[in-house]
């Protein structure tokens, strides 16, 4: 009888370590299971958050290995200045030194528009539009660093065509 009880205890403990957490479990731990990629869990040690890594791995989705980050030649950040009060992070990004880091970024003021980034290919055709109203200044900068072609000073005049 003791052996059966011990076996049941071990099998329950073993099966619980192999099972993924439910959406509710992940939410209680502070993770959004629907949007969490496993590559994000691998970044936790950089911020001294090793303790969260195992739980994060139980809540994440594997990254698609075939997808390559799309790189664009030009970006246009469009926003209405009348909405700066509603989007202080976007206003802070625009008024900071950060846009100067991206010579192929144009800031365009469009009346009544919530903030978006339009991404263009090398021929100037619109490829993608991204809503950024919930982003902070660091998110905008990281996105541009990831998705915009790095421009050298020599290329600046060729890429800044209006």
Protein backbone atom coordinates (compact mmCIF):
# COMPACT_ATOMS: atom_id res chain seq x y z
CA UNK A 1 0.00 0.00 0.00
CA UNK A 2 2.85 2.34 0.85
CA UNK A 3 4.49 1.64 -2.50
CA UNK A 4 1.33 2.44 -4.45
CA UNK A 5 0.93 5.73 -2.57
CA UNK A 6 4.58 6.62 -3.18
CA UNK A 7 4.25 5.71 -6.87
CA UNK A 8 1.16 7.93 -7.23
CA UNK A 9 2.86 10.86 -5.54
CA UNK A 10 5.92 10.56 -7.77
CA UNK A 11 3.86 10.20 -10.97
CA UNK A 12 1.72 13.24 -10.12
CA UNK A 13 4.81 15.33 -9.36
CA UNK A 14 6.55 14.12 -12.53
CA UNK A 15 3.54 14.76 -14.78
CA UNK A 16 3.03 18.24 -13.37
CA UNK A 17 6.60 19.18 -14.22
CA UNK A 18 6.16 18.06 -17.83
CA UNK A 19 2.80 19.75 -18.42
CA UNK A 20 2.51 23.26 -19.78
CA UNK A 21 0.85 25.86 -17.63
CA UNK A 22 -2.68 26.86 -18.52
CA UNK A 23 -3.46 30.35 -19.75
CA UNK A 24 -4.77 31.24 -16.29
CA UNK A 25 -1.63 29.89 -14.60
CA UNK A 26 0.57 31.95 -16.90
CA UNK A 27 -1.55 35.05 -16.37
CA UNK A 28 -1.24 34.60 -12.57
CA UNK A 29 2.55 34.45 -13.02
CA UNK A 30 2.50 37.64 -15.08
CA UNK A 31 2.89 36.07 -18.53
CA UNK A 32 0.54 36.38 -21.49
CA UNK A 33 0.62 32.89 -22.97
CA UNK A 34 -0.97 34.00 -26.24
CA UNK A 35 1.84 36.41 -27.10
CA UNK A 36 4.90 35.04 -25.32
CA UNK A 37 7.71 33.75 -27.54
CA UNK A 38 10.36 31.47 -26.09
CA UNK A 39 13.12 33.76 -27.35
CA UNK A 40 11.82 36.34 -24.86
CA UNK A 41 12.41 33.86 -22.03
CA UNK A 42 16.01 33.53 -23.14
CA UNK A 43 16.47 37.27 -22.57
CA UNK A 44 15.55 37.13 -18.87
CA UNK A 45 19.08 36.30 -17.59
CA UNK A 46 20.33 39.58 -19.09
CA UNK A 47 18.15 41.38 -16.55
CA UNK A 48 19.01 39.10 -13.59
CA UNK A 49 15.60 37.41 -13.83
CA UNK A 50 16.84 33.83 -14.05
CA UNK A 51 14.27 32.80 -11.46
CA UNK A 52 11.44 33.51 -13.94
CA UNK A 53 12.94 31.57 -16.84
CA UNK A 54 11.52 28.11 -16.03
CA UNK A 55 7.98 29.45 -15.59
CA UNK A 56 8.38 31.56 -18.72
CA UNK A 57 9.39 28.48 -20.72
CA UNK A 58 6.20 26.72 -19.57
CA UNK A 59 4.09 29.59 -20.94
CA UNK A 60 5.84 30.39 -24.22
CA UNK A 61 5.35 29.46 -27.86
CA UNK A 62 8.34 28.37 -29.93
CA UNK A 63 9.61 31.04 -32.28
CA UNK A 64 9.16 30.45 -35.97
CA UNK A 65 12.65 29.68 -37.19
CA UNK A 66 11.89 30.35 -40.84
CA UNK A 67 10.76 33.93 -40.33
CA UNK A 68 13.32 36.59 -41.02
CA UNK A 69 12.89 40.12 -39.76
CA UNK A 70 11.72 42.27 -42.64
CA UNK A 71 14.03 45.20 -43.31
CA UNK A 72 12.66 48.37 -44.87
CA UNK A 73 14.43 51.27 -46.54
CA UNK A 74 12.26 54.09 -45.26
CA UNK A 75 9.82 54.72 -42.44
CA UNK A 76 7.32 57.52 -41.92
CA UNK A 77 5.99 58.14 -38.43
CA UNK A 78 2.62 59.84 -38.81
CA UNK A 79 0.86 61.50 -35.89
CA UNK A 80 -1.38 64.44 -35.07
CA UNK A 81 0.12 67.05 -32.73
CA UNK A 82 -3.33 67.62 -31.24
CA UNK A 83 -3.15 64.05 -29.88
CA UNK A 84 0.24 64.42 -28.16
CA UNK A 85 -1.57 64.66 -24.81
CA UNK A 86 -3.04 61.19 -25.36
CA UNK A 87 0.30 59.76 -26.51
CA UNK A 88 3.03 61.34 -24.33
CA UNK A 89 5.52 58.55 -25.10
CA UNK A 90 5.25 59.19 -28.84
CA UNK A 91 5.61 62.93 -28.23
CA UNK A 92 8.70 62.27 -26.10
CA UNK A 93 10.22 60.15 -28.86
CA UNK A 94 9.58 62.81 -31.53
CA UNK A 95 10.93 65.68 -29.43
CA UNK A 96 14.02 63.76 -28.28
CA UNK A 97 17.32 63.15 -30.03
CA UNK A 98 16.20 59.66 -31.07
CA UNK A 99 14.70 60.44 -34.52
CA UNK A 100 18.06 61.92 -35.57
CA UNK A 101 19.55 58.41 -35.27
CA UNK A 102 17.43 57.35 -38.24
CA UNK A 103 18.11 59.45 -41.35
CA UNK A 104 15.61 57.32 -43.28
CA UNK A 105 12.81 58.15 -40.81
CA UNK A 106 10.45 60.97 -41.68
CA UNK A 107 8.01 62.45 -39.18
CA UNK A 108 4.77 63.60 -40.75
CA UNK A 109 1.99 65.47 -38.95
CA UNK A 110 -1.46 64.41 -40.14
CA UNK A 111 -4.49 66.05 -38.59
CA UNK A 112 -6.58 63.73 -36.40
CA UNK A 113 -4.41 60.64 -36.92
CA UNK A 114 -3.41 58.25 -34.15
CA UNK A 115 0.33 57.43 -34.30
CA UNK A 116 1.40 54.93 -36.94
CA UNK A 117 4.59 53.95 -38.70
CA UNK A 118 4.48 53.32 -42.44
CA UNK A 119 7.28 51.18 -43.82
CA UNK A 120 8.47 51.43 -47.43
CA UNK A 121 10.65 49.28 -49.66
CA UNK A 122 13.65 50.54 -51.64
CA UNK A 123 11.40 51.59 -54.53
CA UNK A 124 9.22 53.72 -52.24
CA UNK A 125 6.20 51.42 -52.17
CA UNK A 126 4.28 51.09 -48.93
CA UNK A 127 4.81 47.58 -47.52
CA UNK A 128 3.41 47.71 -44.01
CA UNK A 129 1.61 50.02 -41.59
CA UNK A 130 2.03 49.54 -37.84
CA UNK A 131 -0.11 51.15 -35.13
CA UNK A 132 2.10 52.40 -32.30
CA UNK A 133 -0.34 54.16 -29.98
CA UNK A 134 0.49 51.90 -27.01
CA UNK A 135 4.27 51.94 -27.52
CA UNK A 136 6.80 53.73 -25.37
CA UNK A 137 9.89 55.59 -26.60
CA UNK A 138 12.16 52.57 -26.20
CA UNK A 139 9.77 50.34 -28.17
CA UNK A 140 9.70 52.77 -31.09
CA UNK A 141 13.49 53.03 -31.10
CA UNK A 142 13.95 49.26 -30.89
CA UNK A 143 11.46 48.69 -33.70
CA UNK A 144 13.24 51.16 -35.96
CA UNK A 145 16.64 49.67 -35.12
CA UNK A 146 15.31 46.23 -36.03
CA UNK A 147 13.34 47.05 -39.16
CA UNK A 148 15.12 49.96 -40.84
CA UNK A 149 18.16 49.67 -43.08
CA UNK A 150 21.21 51.22 -41.44
CA UNK A 151 22.12 54.31 -43.43
CA UNK A 152 25.64 55.71 -43.63
CA UNK A 153 26.23 59.43 -44.03
CA UNK A 154 27.09 58.94 -47.71
CA UNK A 155 23.72 57.33 -48.39
CA UNK A 156 21.72 59.98 -46.54
CA UNK A 157 21.02 62.23 -49.53
CA UNK A 158 19.92 59.31 -51.70
CA UNK A 159 17.51 57.86 -49.12
CA UNK A 160 15.92 61.09 -47.88
CA UNK A 161 13.95 61.71 -51.04
CA UNK A 162 10.55 63.33 -50.63
